Amino acid sequence: MKRLPPSKNFKNYTEEELYLQARKKVEKIKGFYVHFAVYIVINIVLLTIIAANMDAGDNFWTFGHFSTAIFWGVGVAFHALGAFGTNLFFGKNWEDRKIREYIDREKERSSGWE
């Protein structure tokens, strides 16, 4: 783990701990983006090489040609879950917005009858 630069002045232990947690989270996300970029570049290169070396009449759209991208893609997906957490699509903010939306809708319905 990286040490804090000496210029960081924290008021208490809690602030330092929050900083370290935030820094760790940012490093995880950064690692994911690097992994994803390498995944894209390497798979484009591999598929280009496969396409360039095919004989006339061969079918490009076979499982064997895309197996590296598929299986590595599963690994990238798990890396994304590790970096962003399981609430990537339906996080706490989404839940709060939906609850507020349903409450507001019910208020509108009930106010129309009064």
Protein backbone atom coordinates (compact mmCIF):
# COMPACT_ATOMS: atom_id res chain seq x y z
CA MET A 1 0.00 0.00 0.00
CA LYS A 2 1.26 3.47 -0.84
CA ARG A 3 2.20 5.81 1.92
CA LEU A 4 0.59 9.21 2.25
CA PRO A 5 2.64 12.15 1.08
CA PRO A 6 4.11 14.09 4.02
CA SER A 7 2.22 17.24 2.98
CA LYS A 8 -1.15 15.69 3.84
CA ASN A 9 -2.35 17.07 7.14
CA PHE A 10 -5.29 15.17 8.57
CA LYS A 11 -7.23 16.46 11.54
CA ASN A 12 -7.82 13.01 12.92
CA TYR A 13 -7.47 9.30 12.27
CA THR A 14 -10.93 9.05 10.70
CA GLU A 15 -10.06 11.53 7.94
CA GLU A 16 -6.86 9.65 7.16
CA GLU A 17 -8.75 6.35 7.07
CA LEU A 18 -11.38 7.80 4.72
CA TYR A 19 -8.62 9.13 2.47
CA LEU A 20 -6.92 5.73 2.34
CA GLN A 21 -10.20 3.96 1.54
CA ALA A 22 -11.03 6.46 -1.21
CA ARG A 23 -7.54 6.14 -2.67
CA LYS A 24 -7.82 2.33 -2.66
CA LYS A 25 -11.20 2.53 -4.43
CA VAL A 26 -9.78 4.87 -7.09
CA GLU A 27 -6.84 2.51 -7.65
CA LYS A 28 -9.26 -0.42 -8.14
CA ILE A 29 -11.28 1.53 -10.69
CA LYS A 30 -8.13 2.67 -12.47
CA GLY A 31 -6.91 -0.93 -12.61
CA PHE A 32 -10.20 -2.01 -14.14
CA TYR A 33 -10.02 0.65 -16.87
CA VAL A 34 -6.46 -0.41 -17.76
CA HIS A 35 -7.57 -4.07 -17.87
CA PHE A 36 -10.56 -3.19 -20.05
CA ALA A 37 -8.43 -1.13 -22.47
CA VAL A 38 -5.92 -3.98 -22.83
CA TYR A 39 -8.83 -6.41 -23.38
CA ILE A 40 -10.22 -4.26 -26.21
CA VAL A 41 -6.87 -3.69 -27.94
CA ILE A 42 -5.66 -7.29 -27.72
CA ASN A 43 -8.96 -8.73 -28.94
CA ILE A 44 -9.07 -6.34 -31.89
CA VAL A 45 -5.52 -7.40 -32.80
CA LEU A 46 -6.35 -11.11 -32.41
CA LEU A 47 -9.51 -10.89 -34.50
CA THR A 48 -7.68 -8.89 -37.16
CA ILE A 49 -4.94 -11.54 -37.35
CA ILE A 50 -7.56 -14.30 -37.58
CA ALA A 51 -9.43 -12.46 -40.33
CA ALA A 52 -6.23 -11.76 -42.28
CA ASN A 53 -5.16 -15.42 -42.20
CA MET A 54 -8.49 -16.94 -43.23
CA ASP A 55 -8.87 -18.79 -46.50
CA ALA A 56 -11.52 -17.74 -48.97
CA GLY A 57 -14.88 -19.18 -48.04
CA ASP A 58 -14.04 -19.73 -44.34
CA ASN A 59 -16.63 -18.58 -41.83
CA PHE A 60 -15.32 -15.81 -39.57
CA TRP A 61 -18.28 -16.02 -37.16
CA THR A 62 -17.32 -19.20 -35.28
CA PHE A 63 -16.98 -19.78 -31.56
CA GLY A 64 -13.29 -20.59 -31.84
CA HIS A 65 -12.49 -17.16 -33.23
CA PHE A 66 -14.26 -15.39 -30.39
CA SER A 67 -13.50 -17.77 -27.51
CA THR A 68 -10.64 -15.64 -26.14
CA ALA A 69 -12.83 -12.54 -26.14
CA ILE A 70 -15.71 -14.41 -24.49
CA PHE A 71 -13.76 -16.07 -21.70
CA TRP A 72 -11.54 -13.07 -21.04
CA GLY A 73 -14.72 -10.94 -21.11
CA VAL A 74 -16.08 -12.98 -18.21
CA GLY A 75 -12.91 -12.13 -16.29
CA VAL A 76 -13.30 -8.45 -17.16
CA ALA A 77 -16.91 -8.57 -15.92
CA PHE A 78 -15.78 -10.00 -12.58
CA HIS A 79 -13.06 -7.35 -12.39
CA ALA A 80 -15.77 -4.70 -12.93
CA LEU A 81 -17.82 -6.16 -10.08
CA GLY A 82 -14.75 -6.02 -7.85
CA ALA A 83 -13.97 -2.43 -8.81
CA PHE A 84 -17.47 -0.95 -8.84
CA GLY A 85 -19.27 -3.32 -6.50
CA THR A 86 -22.42 -5.29 -7.09
CA ASN A 87 -24.59 -2.17 -7.11
CA LEU A 88 -23.29 -1.11 -10.51
CA PHE A 89 -26.75 -0.75 -12.06
CA PHE A 90 -29.18 -0.84 -9.15
CA GLY A 91 -27.29 1.06 -6.49
CA LYS A 92 -28.60 2.84 -3.43
CA ASN A 93 -29.31 6.04 -5.40
CA TRP A 94 -31.47 4.10 -7.83
CA GLU A 95 -33.44 2.55 -4.96
CA ASP A 96 -33.99 5.95 -3.32
CA ARG A 97 -35.13 7.51 -6.62
CA LYS A 98 -37.58 4.68 -7.30
CA ILE A 99 -39.04 4.84 -3.77
CA ARG A 100 -39.47 8.62 -4.10
CA GLU A 101 -41.08 8.13 -7.53
CA TYR A 102 -43.63 5.63 -6.18
CA ILE A 103 -44.41 7.80 -3.16
CA ASP A 104 -44.94 10.85 -5.37
CA ARG A 105 -47.13 8.86 -7.74
CA GLU A 106 -49.32 7.65 -4.86
CA LYS A 107 -49.59 11.18 -3.48
CA GLU A 108 -50.76 12.43 -6.89
CA ARG A 109 -53.33 9.63 -7.09
CA SER A 110 -54.71 10.24 -3.64
CA SER A 111 -54.76 14.05 -4.02
CA GLY A 112 -56.88 13.74 -7.18
CA TRP A 113 -59.77 12.22 -5.22
CA GLU A 114 -59.81 14.78 -2.46
